[in-house]
Amino acid sequence: MSNKVLVIIGTRESEKARTGAMYAVNALKQGWMDEVKLIFFGPGEALLLEDDVLQEYVREYQAMDGAAIACKFIADRDGLDEGISQLGIQVLYVGQLISDLIKEGYTPMVW
C-alpha cells in the first residue's frame, strides 16, 4: 500500500474543507504519510478566498510542502485566479495532474 495521499478540497462547506486541510497538515507534520498533495477544486476555491482559518491551514501546509494547487479552469471561469495566486497557491489545470497522481499511487481523499 502507498504512503501517498492526494487531498482534494472541493466543498464550499467551511467545516469540511477545514477538516481536509487539517488532515493534510497533520499527515505531513506527524509523519502519517510520506507524501501529501493538496488541491483545491470547484467550490472549494471560492471558499478559500473567504475563510481565514482555511487559509491558515494552507499557509502551514505550504511551509512544509510548498505546493498547494488550485484548478485554473475554475479559477479563470469564476474570476478567482488573482486572489488565489496572492495566497501563494499555484493555479494550474488539474484534470491530468489528478489522474497522473492517482496512477502514481496517490490515494485520493475528497472533502
PDB file of N, CA and C in Angstrom:
ATOM      1  N   MET A   1       0.844  -1.190   0.000  1.00  0.00           N
ATOM      2  CA  MET A   1       0.000   0.000   0.000  1.00  0.00           C
ATOM      3  C   MET A   1       0.884   1.246   0.000  1.00  0.00           C
ATOM      4  N   SER A   2       0.411   2.252  -0.662  1.00  0.00           N
ATOM      5  CA  SER A   2       1.150   3.505  -0.829  1.00  0.00           C
ATOM      6  C   SER A   2       1.030   4.391   0.414  1.00  0.00           C
ATOM      7  N   ASN A   3       2.061   5.145   0.687  1.00  0.00           N
ATOM      8  CA  ASN A   3       2.040   6.145   1.756  1.00  0.00           C
ATOM      9  C   ASN A   3       1.934   7.539   1.177  1.00  0.00           C
ATOM     10  N   LYS A   4       1.143   7.653   0.100  1.00  0.00           N
ATOM     11  CA  LYS A   4       0.964   8.929  -0.575  1.00  0.00           C
ATOM     12  C   LYS A   4      -0.534   9.227  -0.655  1.00  0.00           C
ATOM     13  N   VAL A   5      -0.905  10.454  -0.297  1.00  0.00           N
ATOM     14  CA  VAL A   5      -2.317  10.825  -0.320  1.00  0.00           C
ATOM     15  C   VAL A   5      -2.501  12.131  -1.089  1.00  0.00           C
ATOM     16  N   LEU A   6      -3.596  12.193  -1.803  1.00  0.00           N
ATOM     17  CA  LEU A   6      -3.995  13.367  -2.562  1.00  0.00           C
ATOM     18  C   LEU A   6      -5.261  13.921  -1.912  1.00  0.00           C
ATOM     19  N   VAL A   7      -5.136  15.053  -1.240  1.00  0.00           N
ATOM     20  CA  VAL A   7      -6.273  15.700  -0.583  1.00  0.00           C
ATOM     21  C   VAL A   7      -6.863  16.702  -1.563  1.00  0.00           C
ATOM     22  N   ILE A   8      -8.101  16.452  -1.956  1.00  0.00           N
ATOM     23  CA  ILE A   8      -8.815  17.337  -2.878  1.00  0.00           C
ATOM     24  C   ILE A   8      -9.934  18.006  -2.098  1.00  0.00           C
ATOM     25  N   ILE A   9      -9.884  19.326  -2.023  1.00  0.00           N
ATOM     26  CA  ILE A   9     -10.926  20.070  -1.323  1.00  0.00           C
ATOM     27  C   ILE A   9     -11.819  20.708  -2.365  1.00  0.00           C
ATOM     28  N   GLY A  10     -13.020  20.171  -2.471  1.00  0.00           N
ATOM     29  CA  GLY A  10     -13.968  20.640  -3.461  1.00  0.00           C
ATOM     30  C   GLY A  10     -15.219  21.243  -2.847  1.00  0.00           C
ATOM     31  N   THR A  11     -15.389  21.083  -1.549  1.00  0.00           N
ATOM     32  CA  THR A  11     -16.597  21.550  -0.885  1.00  0.00           C
ATOM     33  C   THR A  11     -16.573  23.045  -0.618  1.00  0.00           C
ATOM     34  N   ARG A  12     -17.732  23.619  -0.547  1.00  0.00           N
ATOM     35  CA  ARG A  12     -17.890  25.032  -0.174  1.00  0.00           C
ATOM     36  C   ARG A  12     -18.209  25.134   1.317  1.00  0.00           C
ATOM     37  N   GLU A  13     -18.348  23.989   1.986  1.00  0.00           N
ATOM     38  CA  GLU A  13     -18.669  23.967   3.415  1.00  0.00           C
ATOM     39  C   GLU A  13     -17.386  24.119   4.233  1.00  0.00           C
ATOM     40  N   SER A  14     -17.326  25.184   5.023  1.00  0.00           N
ATOM     41  CA  SER A  14     -16.109  25.506   5.774  1.00  0.00           C
ATOM     42  C   SER A  14     -15.620  24.357   6.643  1.00  0.00           C
ATOM     43  N   GLU A  15     -16.513  23.763   7.409  1.00  0.00           N
ATOM     44  CA  GLU A  15     -16.085  22.725   8.342  1.00  0.00           C
ATOM     45  C   GLU A  15     -15.477  21.530   7.623  1.00  0.00           C
ATOM     46  N   LYS A  16     -16.053  21.134   6.509  1.00  0.00           N
ATOM     47  CA  LYS A  16     -15.497  20.013   5.747  1.00  0.00           C
ATOM     48  C   LYS A  16     -14.149  20.382   5.142  1.00  0.00           C
ATOM     49  N   ALA A  17     -14.073  21.568   4.546  1.00  0.00           N
ATOM     50  CA  ALA A  17     -12.829  21.998   3.912  1.00  0.00           C
ATOM     51  C   ALA A  17     -11.719  22.133   4.949  1.00  0.00           C
ATOM     52  N   ARG A  18     -12.037  22.705   6.088  1.00  0.00           N
ATOM     53  CA  ARG A  18     -11.036  22.856   7.147  1.00  0.00           C
ATOM     54  C   ARG A  18     -10.542  21.496   7.623  1.00  0.00           C
ATOM     55  N   THR A  19     -11.443  20.537   7.719  1.00  0.00           N
ATOM     56  CA  THR A  19     -11.055  19.193   8.158  1.00  0.00           C
ATOM     57  C   THR A  19     -10.084  18.562   7.167  1.00  0.00           C
ATOM     58  N   GLY A  20     -10.360  18.708   5.878  1.00  0.00           N
ATOM     59  CA  GLY A  20      -9.448  18.173   4.862  1.00  0.00           C
ATOM     60  C   GLY A  20      -8.086  18.834   4.909  1.00  0.00           C
ATOM     61  N   ALA A  21      -8.064  20.154   5.052  1.00  0.00           N
ATOM     62  CA  ALA A  21      -6.800  20.878   5.117  1.00  0.00           C
ATOM     63  C   ALA A  21      -6.044  20.522   6.392  1.00  0.00           C
ATOM     64  N   MET A  22      -6.768  20.376   7.486  1.00  0.00           N
ATOM     65  CA  MET A  22      -6.141  19.994   8.747  1.00  0.00           C
ATOM     66  C   MET A  22      -5.502  18.607   8.627  1.00  0.00           C
ATOM     67  N   TYR A  23      -6.204  17.695   7.959  1.00  0.00           N
ATOM     68  CA  TYR A  23      -5.626  16.370   7.750  1.00  0.00           C
ATOM     69  C   TYR A  23      -4.337  16.467   6.928  1.00  0.00           C
ATOM     70  N   ALA A  24      -4.354  17.246   5.856  1.00  0.00           N
ATOM     71  CA  ALA A  24      -3.160  17.386   5.016  1.00  0.00           C
ATOM     72  C   ALA A  24      -1.979  17.896   5.838  1.00  0.00           C
ATOM     73  N   VAL A  25      -2.222  18.896   6.669  1.00  0.00           N
ATOM     74  CA  VAL A  25      -1.165  19.451   7.518  1.00  0.00           C
ATOM     75  C   VAL A  25      -0.645  18.400   8.490  1.00  0.00           C
ATOM     76  N   ASN A  26      -1.562  17.759   9.191  1.00  0.00           N
ATOM     77  CA  ASN A  26      -1.141  16.801  10.215  1.00  0.00           C
ATOM     78  C   ASN A  26      -0.532  15.533   9.643  1.00  0.00           C
ATOM     79  N   ALA A  27      -0.977  15.117   8.468  1.00  0.00           N
ATOM     80  CA  ALA A  27      -0.384  13.931   7.837  1.00  0.00           C
ATOM     81  C   ALA A  27       1.086  14.170   7.539  1.00  0.00           C
ATOM     82  N   LEU A  28       1.434  15.394   7.164  1.00  0.00           N
ATOM     83  CA  LEU A  28       2.845  15.749   6.950  1.00  0.00           C
ATOM     84  C   LEU A  28       3.566  15.946   8.279  1.00  0.00           C
ATOM     85  N   LYS A  29       2.972  16.759   9.136  1.00  0.00           N
ATOM     86  CA  LYS A  29       3.618  17.131  10.401  1.00  0.00           C
ATOM     87  C   LYS A  29       3.886  15.908  11.283  1.00  0.00           C
ATOM     88  N   GLN A  30       2.920  15.009  11.343  1.00  0.00           N
ATOM     89  CA  GLN A  30       3.031  13.843  12.221  1.00  0.00           C
ATOM     90  C   GLN A  30       3.678  12.637  11.537  1.00  0.00           C
ATOM     91  N   GLY A  31       3.949  12.768  10.244  1.00  0.00           N
ATOM     92  CA  GLY A  31       4.576  11.671   9.524  1.00  0.00           C
ATOM     93  C   GLY A  31       3.644  10.496   9.242  1.00  0.00           C
ATOM     94  N   TRP A  32       2.333  10.759   9.204  1.00  0.00           N
ATOM     95  CA  TRP A  32       1.378   9.689   8.911  1.00  0.00           C
ATOM     96  C   TRP A  32       1.517   9.200   7.482  1.00  0.00           C
ATOM     97  N   MET A  33       1.879  10.115   6.597  1.00  0.00           N
ATOM     98  CA  MET A  33       2.065   9.797   5.180  1.00  0.00           C
ATOM     99  C   MET A  33       3.408  10.361   4.737  1.00  0.00           C
ATOM    100  N   ASP A  34       4.018   9.692   3.761  1.00  0.00           N
ATOM    101  CA  ASP A  34       5.292  10.169   3.228  1.00  0.00           C
ATOM    102  C   ASP A  34       5.104  11.380   2.326  1.00  0.00           C
ATOM    103  N   GLU A  35       4.027  11.367   1.546  1.00  0.00           N
ATOM    104  CA  GLU A  35       3.762  12.461   0.614  1.00  0.00           C
ATOM    105  C   GLU A  35       2.287  12.843   0.682  1.00  0.00           C
ATOM    106  N   VAL A  36       2.043  14.148   0.704  1.00  0.00           N
ATOM    107  CA  VAL A  36       0.673  14.675   0.749  1.00  0.00           C
ATOM    108  C   VAL A  36       0.572  15.809  -0.262  1.00  0.00           C
ATOM    109  N   LYS A  37      -0.333  15.668  -1.205  1.00  0.00           N
ATOM    110  CA  LYS A  37      -0.618  16.725  -2.181  1.00  0.00           C
ATOM    111  C   LYS A  37      -1.958  17.353  -1.809  1.00  0.00           C
ATOM    112  N   LEU A  38      -2.064  18.669  -1.967  1.00  0.00           N
ATOM    113  CA  LEU A  38      -3.280  19.403  -1.618  1.00  0.00           C
ATOM    114  C   LEU A  38      -3.755  20.192  -2.825  1.00  0.00           C
ATOM    115  N   ILE A  39      -4.974  19.869  -3.274  1.00  0.00           N
ATOM    116  CA  ILE A  39      -5.548  20.527  -4.449  1.00  0.00           C
ATOM    117  C   ILE A  39      -6.931  21.079  -4.099  1.00  0.00           C
ATOM    118  N   PHE A  40      -7.161  22.331  -4.475  1.00  0.00           N
ATOM    119  CA  PHE A  40      -8.486  22.945  -4.355  1.00  0.00           C
ATOM    120  C   PHE A  40      -9.141  22.896  -5.725  1.00  0.00           C
ATOM    121  N   PHE A  41     -10.421  22.488  -5.735  1.00  0.00           N
ATOM    122  CA  PHE A  41     -11.100  22.218  -6.982  1.00  0.00           C
ATOM    123  C   PHE A  41     -12.568  22.583  -6.817  1.00  0.00           C
ATOM    124  N   GLY A  42     -13.117  23.324  -7.743  1.00  0.00           N
ATOM    125  CA  GLY A  42     -14.542  23.648  -7.696  1.00  0.00           C
ATOM    126  C   GLY A  42     -14.882  24.656  -6.612  1.00  0.00           C
ATOM    127  N   PRO A  43     -16.010  24.453  -5.903  1.00  0.00           N
ATOM    128  CA  PRO A  43     -16.472  25.417  -4.907  1.00  0.00           C
ATOM    129  C   PRO A  43     -15.464  25.693  -3.795  1.00  0.00           C
ATOM    130  N   GLY A  44     -14.571  24.762  -3.533  1.00  0.00           N
ATOM    131  CA  GLY A  44     -13.544  24.969  -2.509  1.00  0.00           C
ATOM    132  C   GLY A  44     -12.620  26.128  -2.825  1.00  0.00           C
ATOM    133  N   GLU A  45     -12.501  26.467  -4.088  1.00  0.00           N
ATOM    134  CA  GLU A  45     -11.636  27.583  -4.476  1.00  0.00           C
ATOM    135  C   GLU A  45     -12.211  28.922  -4.019  1.00  0.00           C
ATOM    136  N   ALA A  46     -13.505  29.107  -4.170  1.00  0.00           N
ATOM    137  CA  ALA A  46     -14.143  30.350  -3.715  1.00  0.00           C
ATOM    138  C   ALA A  46     -14.092  30.435  -2.192  1.00  0.00           C
ATOM    139  N   LEU A  47     -14.332  29.320  -1.526  1.00  0.00           N
ATOM    140  CA  LEU A  47     -14.275  29.286  -0.065  1.00  0.00           C
ATOM    141  C   LEU A  47     -12.895  29.696   0.428  1.00  0.00           C
ATOM    142  N   LEU A  48     -11.885  29.247  -0.251  1.00  0.00           N
ATOM    143  CA  LEU A  48     -10.504  29.546   0.121  1.00  0.00           C
ATOM    144  C   LEU A  48     -10.262  31.050   0.257  1.00  0.00           C
ATOM    145  N   LEU A  49     -10.895  31.840  -0.586  1.00  0.00           N
ATOM    146  CA  LEU A  49     -10.699  33.287  -0.547  1.00  0.00           C
ATOM    147  C   LEU A  49     -11.452  33.955   0.601  1.00  0.00           C
ATOM    148  N   GLU A  50     -12.401  33.251   1.203  1.00  0.00           N
ATOM    149  CA  GLU A  50     -13.255  33.832   2.238  1.00  0.00           C
ATOM    150  C   GLU A  50     -12.934  33.344   3.644  1.00  0.00           C
ATOM    151  N   ASP A  51     -12.298  32.198   3.769  1.00  0.00           N
ATOM    152  CA  ASP A  51     -12.167  31.522   5.061  1.00  0.00           C
ATOM    153  C   ASP A  51     -10.741  31.674   5.603  1.00  0.00           C
ATOM    154  N   ASP A  52     -10.599  32.525   6.608  1.00  0.00           N
ATOM    155  CA  ASP A  52      -9.272  32.795   7.189  1.00  0.00           C
ATOM    156  C   ASP A  52      -8.658  31.561   7.845  1.00  0.00           C
ATOM    157  N   VAL A  53      -9.470  30.738   8.477  1.00  0.00           N
ATOM    158  CA  VAL A  53      -8.952  29.526   9.132  1.00  0.00           C
ATOM    159  C   VAL A  53      -8.413  28.570   8.073  1.00  0.00           C
ATOM    160  N   LEU A  54      -9.135  28.403   6.985  1.00  0.00           N
ATOM    161  CA  LEU A  54      -8.686  27.546   5.889  1.00  0.00           C
ATOM    162  C   LEU A  54      -7.382  28.077   5.303  1.00  0.00           C
ATOM    163  N   GLN A  55      -7.305  29.381   5.143  1.00  0.00           N
ATOM    164  CA  GLN A  55      -6.076  29.989   4.626  1.00  0.00           C
ATOM    165  C   GLN A  55      -4.894  29.716   5.552  1.00  0.00           C
ATOM    166  N   GLU A  56      -5.130  29.727   6.850  1.00  0.00           N
ATOM    167  CA  GLU A  56      -4.048  29.453   7.803  1.00  0.00           C
ATOM    168  C   GLU A  56      -3.559  28.009   7.667  1.00  0.00           C
ATOM    169  N   TYR A  57      -4.473  27.067   7.498  1.00  0.00           N
ATOM    170  CA  TYR A  57      -4.064  25.672   7.265  1.00  0.00           C
ATOM    171  C   TYR A  57      -3.225  25.572   5.989  1.00  0.00           C
ATOM    172  N   VAL A  58      -3.633  26.286   4.965  1.00  0.00           N
ATOM    173  CA  VAL A  58      -2.889  26.247   3.702  1.00  0.00           C
ATOM    174  C   VAL A  58      -1.489  26.825   3.885  1.00  0.00           C
ATOM    175  N   ARG A  59      -1.378  27.923   4.619  1.00  0.00           N
ATOM    176  CA  ARG A  59      -0.046  28.502   4.875  1.00  0.00           C
ATOM    177  C   ARG A  59       0.836  27.503   5.632  1.00  0.00           C
ATOM    178  N   GLU A  60       0.257  26.821   6.588  1.00  0.00           N
ATOM    179  CA  GLU A  60       1.014  25.823   7.355  1.00  0.00           C
ATOM    180  C   GLU A  60       1.442  24.658   6.453  1.00  0.00           C
ATOM    181  N   TYR A  61       0.527  24.213   5.599  1.00  0.00           N
ATOM    182  CA  TYR A  61       0.860  23.152   4.642  1.00  0.00           C
ATOM    183  C   TYR A  61       1.992  23.611   3.719  1.00  0.00           C
ATOM    184  N   GLN A  62       1.873  24.818   3.189  1.00  0.00           N
ATOM    185  CA  GLN A  62       2.866  25.334   2.257  1.00  0.00           C
ATOM    186  C   GLN A  62       4.235  25.493   2.919  1.00  0.00           C
ATOM    187  N   ALA A  63       4.250  25.794   4.209  1.00  0.00           N
ATOM    188  CA  ALA A  63       5.518  25.921   4.916  1.00  0.00           C
ATOM    189  C   ALA A  63       6.250  24.580   4.972  1.00  0.00           C
ATOM    190  N   MET A  64       5.495  23.483   4.940  1.00  0.00           N
ATOM    191  CA  MET A  64       6.106  22.149   4.978  1.00  0.00           C
ATOM    192  C   MET A  64       6.339  21.578   3.587  1.00  0.00           C
ATOM    193  N   ASP A  65       5.404  21.854   2.665  1.00  0.00           N
ATOM    194  CA  ASP A  65       5.472  21.235   1.341  1.00  0.00           C
ATOM    195  C   ASP A  65       5.659  22.251   0.229  1.00  0.00           C
ATOM    196  N   GLY A  66       5.022  23.381   0.349  1.00  0.00           N
ATOM    197  CA  GLY A  66       5.188  24.455  -0.617  1.00  0.00           C
ATOM    198  C   GLY A  66       4.419  24.341  -1.909  1.00  0.00           C
ATOM    199  N   ALA A  67       3.462  23.439  -1.999  1.00  0.00           N
ATOM    200  CA  ALA A  67       2.869  23.201  -3.309  1.00  0.00           C
ATOM    201  C   ALA A  67       1.354  23.011  -3.313  1.00  0.00           C
ATOM    202  N   ALA A  68       0.610  23.858  -2.624  1.00  0.00           N
ATOM    203  CA  ALA A  68      -0.841  23.783  -2.751  1.00  0.00           C
ATOM    204  C   ALA A  68      -1.227  24.266  -4.146  1.00  0.00           C
ATOM    205  N   ILE A  69      -2.245  23.647  -4.718  1.00  0.00           N
ATOM    206  CA  ILE A  69      -2.639  23.906  -6.110  1.00  0.00           C
ATOM    207  C   ILE A  69      -4.147  24.152  -6.173  1.00  0.00           C
ATOM    208  N   ALA A  70      -4.566  25.016  -7.079  1.00  0.00           N
ATOM    209  CA  ALA A  70      -5.985  25.232  -7.357  1.00  0.00           C
ATOM    210  C   ALA A  70      -6.209  25.059  -8.859  1.00  0.00           C
ATOM    211  N   CYS A  71      -7.418  24.694  -9.228  1.00  0.00           N
ATOM    212  CA  CYS A  71      -7.766  24.448 -10.624  1.00  0.00           C
ATOM    213  C   CYS A  71      -7.866  25.751 -11.412  1.00  0.00           C
ATOM    214  N   LYS A  72      -7.093  25.841 -12.464  1.00  0.00           N
ATOM    215  CA  LYS A  72      -7.071  27.041 -13.308  1.00  0.00           C
ATOM    216  C   LYS A  72      -8.387  27.233 -14.054  1.00  0.00           C
ATOM    217  N   PHE A  73      -8.972  26.174 -14.551  1.00  0.00           N
ATOM    218  CA  PHE A  73     -10.219  26.310 -15.296  1.00  0.00           C
ATOM    219  C   PHE A  73     -11.283  26.973 -14.426  1.00  0.00           C
ATOM    220  N   ILE A  74     -11.456  26.460 -13.208  1.00  0.00           N
ATOM    221  CA  ILE A  74     -12.468  27.009 -12.297  1.00  0.00           C
ATOM    222  C   ILE A  74     -12.084  28.435 -11.884  1.00  0.00           C
ATOM    223  N   ALA A  75     -10.814  28.644 -11.557  1.00  0.00           N
ATOM    224  CA  ALA A  75     -10.367  29.963 -11.119  1.00  0.00           C
ATOM    225  C   ALA A  75     -10.599  31.006 -12.207  1.00  0.00           C
ATOM    226  N   ASP A  76     -10.267  30.666 -13.449  1.00  0.00           N
ATOM    227  CA  ASP A  76     -10.488  31.598 -14.558  1.00  0.00           C
ATOM    228  C   ASP A  76     -11.978  31.827 -14.782  1.00  0.00           C
ATOM    229  N   ARG A  77     -12.744  30.763 -14.779  1.00  0.00           N
ATOM    230  CA  ARG A  77     -14.185  30.861 -15.027  1.00  0.00           C
ATOM    231  C   ARG A  77     -14.883  31.739 -14.001  1.00  0.00           C
ATOM    232  N   ASP A  78     -14.451  31.604 -12.728  1.00  0.00           N
ATOM    233  CA  ASP A  78     -15.123  32.308 -11.642  1.00  0.00           C
ATOM    234  C   ASP A  78     -14.409  33.590 -11.209  1.00  0.00           C
ATOM    235  N   GLY A  79     -13.363  33.978 -11.934  1.00  0.00           N
ATOM    236  CA  GLY A  79     -12.643  35.206 -11.617  1.00  0.00           C
ATOM    237  C   GLY A  79     -11.878  35.149 -10.303  1.00  0.00           C
ATOM    238  N   LEU A  80     -11.334  33.990  -9.970  1.00  0.00           N
ATOM    239  CA  LEU A  80     -10.664  33.787  -8.688  1.00  0.00           C
ATOM    240  C   LEU A  80      -9.145  33.720  -8.803  1.00  0.00           C
ATOM    241  N   ASP A  81      -8.650  33.670 -10.016  1.00  0.00           N
ATOM    242  CA  ASP A  81      -7.222  33.413 -10.266  1.00  0.00           C
ATOM    243  C   ASP A  81      -6.307  34.351  -9.486  1.00  0.00           C
ATOM    244  N   GLU A  82      -6.547  35.635  -9.578  1.00  0.00           N
ATOM    245  CA  GLU A  82      -5.666  36.614  -8.928  1.00  0.00           C
ATOM    246  C   GLU A  82      -5.663  36.451  -7.413  1.00  0.00           C
ATOM    247  N   GLY A  83      -6.837  36.308  -6.821  1.00  0.00           N
ATOM    248  CA  GLY A  83      -6.929  36.152  -5.364  1.00  0.00           C
ATOM    249  C   GLY A  83      -6.244  34.895  -4.875  1.00  0.00           C
ATOM    250  N   ILE A  84      -6.424  33.809  -5.600  1.00  0.00           N
ATOM    251  CA  ILE A  84      -5.784  32.546  -5.214  1.00  0.00           C
ATOM    252  C   ILE A  84      -4.273  32.655  -5.355  1.00  0.00           C
ATOM    253  N   SER A  85      -3.819  33.251  -6.428  1.00  0.00           N
ATOM    254  CA  SER A  85      -2.377  33.425  -6.642  1.00  0.00           C
ATOM    255  C   SER A  85      -1.753  34.270  -5.541  1.00  0.00           C
ATOM    256  N   GLN A  86      -2.480  35.278  -5.069  1.00  0.00           N
ATOM    257  CA  GLN A  86      -1.966  36.134  -3.998  1.00  0.00           C
ATOM    258  C   GLN A  86      -1.767  35.370  -2.696  1.00  0.00           C
ATOM    259  N   LEU A  87      -2.456  34.241  -2.544  1.00  0.00           N
ATOM    260  CA  LEU A  87      -2.268  33.395  -1.364  1.00  0.00           C
ATOM    261  C   LEU A  87      -1.047  32.479  -1.520  1.00  0.00           C
ATOM    262  N   GLY A  88      -0.374  32.583  -2.660  1.00  0.00           N
ATOM    263  CA  GLY A  88       0.799  31.749  -2.896  1.00  0.00           C
ATOM    264  C   GLY A  88       0.468  30.356  -3.392  1.00  0.00           C
ATOM    265  N   ILE A  89      -0.750  30.179  -3.865  1.00  0.00           N
ATOM    266  CA  ILE A  89      -1.199  28.874  -4.356  1.00  0.00           C
ATOM    267  C   ILE A  89      -1.025  28.841  -5.870  1.00  0.00           C
ATOM    268  N   GLN A  90      -0.451  27.761  -6.359  1.00  0.00           N
ATOM    269  CA  GLN A  90      -0.279  27.591  -7.804  1.00  0.00           C
ATOM    270  C   GLN A  90      -1.646  27.375  -8.443  1.00  0.00           C
ATOM    271  N   VAL A  91      -1.900  28.034  -9.557  1.00  0.00           N
ATOM    272  CA  VAL A  91      -3.160  27.868 -10.284  1.00  0.00           C
ATOM    273  C   VAL A  91      -2.817  27.143 -11.586  1.00  0.00           C
ATOM    274  N   LEU A  92      -3.223  25.880 -11.652  1.00  0.00           N
ATOM    275  CA  LEU A  92      -2.880  25.002 -12.776  1.00  0.00           C
ATOM    276  C   LEU A  92      -4.101  24.213 -13.223  1.00  0.00           C
ATOM    277  N   TYR A  93      -4.082  23.750 -14.459  1.00  0.00           N
ATOM    278  CA  TYR A  93      -5.110  22.796 -14.886  1.00  0.00           C
ATOM    279  C   TYR A  93      -4.848  21.490 -14.142  1.00  0.00           C
ATOM    280  N   VAL A  94      -5.866  20.966 -13.486  1.00  0.00           N
ATOM    281  CA  VAL A  94      -5.623  19.838 -12.586  1.00  0.00           C
ATOM    282  C   VAL A  94      -6.187  18.497 -13.038  1.00  0.00           C
ATOM    283  N   GLY A  95      -6.966  18.454 -14.086  1.00  0.00           N
ATOM    284  CA  GLY A  95      -7.553  17.179 -14.512  1.00  0.00           C
ATOM    285  C   GLY A  95      -6.509  16.113 -14.777  1.00  0.00           C
ATOM    286  N   GLN A  96      -5.550  16.433 -15.622  1.00  0.00           N
ATOM    287  CA  GLN A  96      -4.484  15.480 -15.933  1.00  0.00           C
ATOM    288  C   GLN A  96      -3.606  15.232 -14.712  1.00  0.00           C
ATOM    289  N   LEU A  97      -3.331  16.293 -13.943  1.00  0.00           N
ATOM    290  CA  LEU A  97      -2.497  16.174 -12.750  1.00  0.00           C
ATOM    291  C   LEU A  97      -3.108  15.189 -11.749  1.00  0.00           C
ATOM    292  N   ILE A  98      -4.389  15.340 -11.471  1.00  0.00           N
ATOM    293  CA  ILE A  98      -5.068  14.431 -10.547  1.00  0.00           C
ATOM    294  C   ILE A  98      -4.988  13.001 -11.070  1.00  0.00           C
ATOM    295  N   SER A  99      -5.265  12.820 -12.355  1.00  0.00           N
ATOM    296  CA  SER A  99      -5.211  11.480 -12.959  1.00  0.00           C
ATOM    297  C   SER A  99      -3.814  10.881 -12.840  1.00  0.00           C
ATOM    298  N   ASP A 100      -2.800  11.677 -13.117  1.00  0.00           N
ATOM    299  CA  ASP A 100      -1.419  11.189 -13.034  1.00  0.00           C
ATOM    300  C   ASP A 100      -1.043  10.819 -11.601  1.00  0.00           C
ATOM    301  N   LEU A 101      -1.453  11.631 -10.629  1.00  0.00           N
ATOM    302  CA  LEU A 101      -1.131  11.330  -9.238  1.00  0.00           C
ATOM    303  C   LEU A 101      -1.787  10.029  -8.788  1.00  0.00           C
ATOM    304  N   ILE A 102      -3.009   9.793  -9.209  1.00  0.00           N
ATOM    305  CA  ILE A 102      -3.677   8.535  -8.871  1.00  0.00           C
ATOM    306  C   ILE A 102      -2.931   7.361  -9.502  1.00  0.00           C
ATOM    307  N   LYS A 103      -2.526   7.520 -10.756  1.00  0.00           N
ATOM    308  CA  LYS A 103      -1.756   6.460 -11.427  1.00  0.00           C
ATOM    309  C   LYS A 103      -0.421   6.201 -10.723  1.00  0.00           C
ATOM    310  N   GLU A 104       0.133   7.254 -10.091  1.00  0.00           N
ATOM    311  CA  GLU A 104       1.403   7.120  -9.368  1.00  0.00           C
ATOM    312  C   GLU A 104       1.227   6.518  -7.981  1.00  0.00           C
ATOM    313  N   GLY A 105      -0.010   6.201  -7.610  1.00  0.00           N
ATOM    314  CA  GLY A 105      -0.238   5.540  -6.336  1.00  0.00           C
ATOM    315  C   GLY A 105      -0.765   6.428  -5.218  1.00  0.00           C
ATOM    316  N   TYR A 106      -1.078   7.676  -5.516  1.00  0.00           N
ATOM    317  CA  TYR A 106      -1.674   8.532  -4.508  1.00  0.00           C
ATOM    318  C   TYR A 106      -3.119   8.110  -4.265  1.00  0.00           C
ATOM    319  N   THR A 107      -3.495   8.008  -3.011  1.00  0.00           N
ATOM    320  CA  THR A 107      -4.865   7.706  -2.642  1.00  0.00           C
ATOM    321  C   THR A 107      -5.637   9.020  -2.552  1.00  0.00           C
ATOM    322  N   PRO A 108      -6.697   9.181  -3.357  1.00  0.00           N
ATOM    323  CA  PRO A 108      -7.460  10.434  -3.279  1.00  0.00           C
ATOM    324  C   PRO A 108      -8.396  10.462  -2.076  1.00  0.00           C
ATOM    325  N   MET A 109      -8.387  11.578  -1.391  1.00  0.00           N
ATOM    326  CA  MET A 109      -9.342  11.860  -0.311  1.00  0.00           C
ATOM    327  C   MET A 109     -10.045  13.142  -0.730  1.00  0.00           C
ATOM    328  N   VAL A 110     -11.339  13.072  -0.928  1.00  0.00           N
ATOM    329  CA  VAL A 110     -12.088  14.230  -1.428  1.00  0.00           C
ATOM    330  C   VAL A 110     -12.968  14.760  -0.305  1.00  0.00           C
ATOM    331  N   TRP A 111     -12.792  16.046  -0.055  1.00  0.00           N
ATOM    332  CA  TRP A 111     -13.533  16.704   1.023  1.00  0.00           C
ATOM    333  C   TRP A 111     -14.447  17.738   0.418  1.00  0.00           C
TER     334      TRP A 111
END
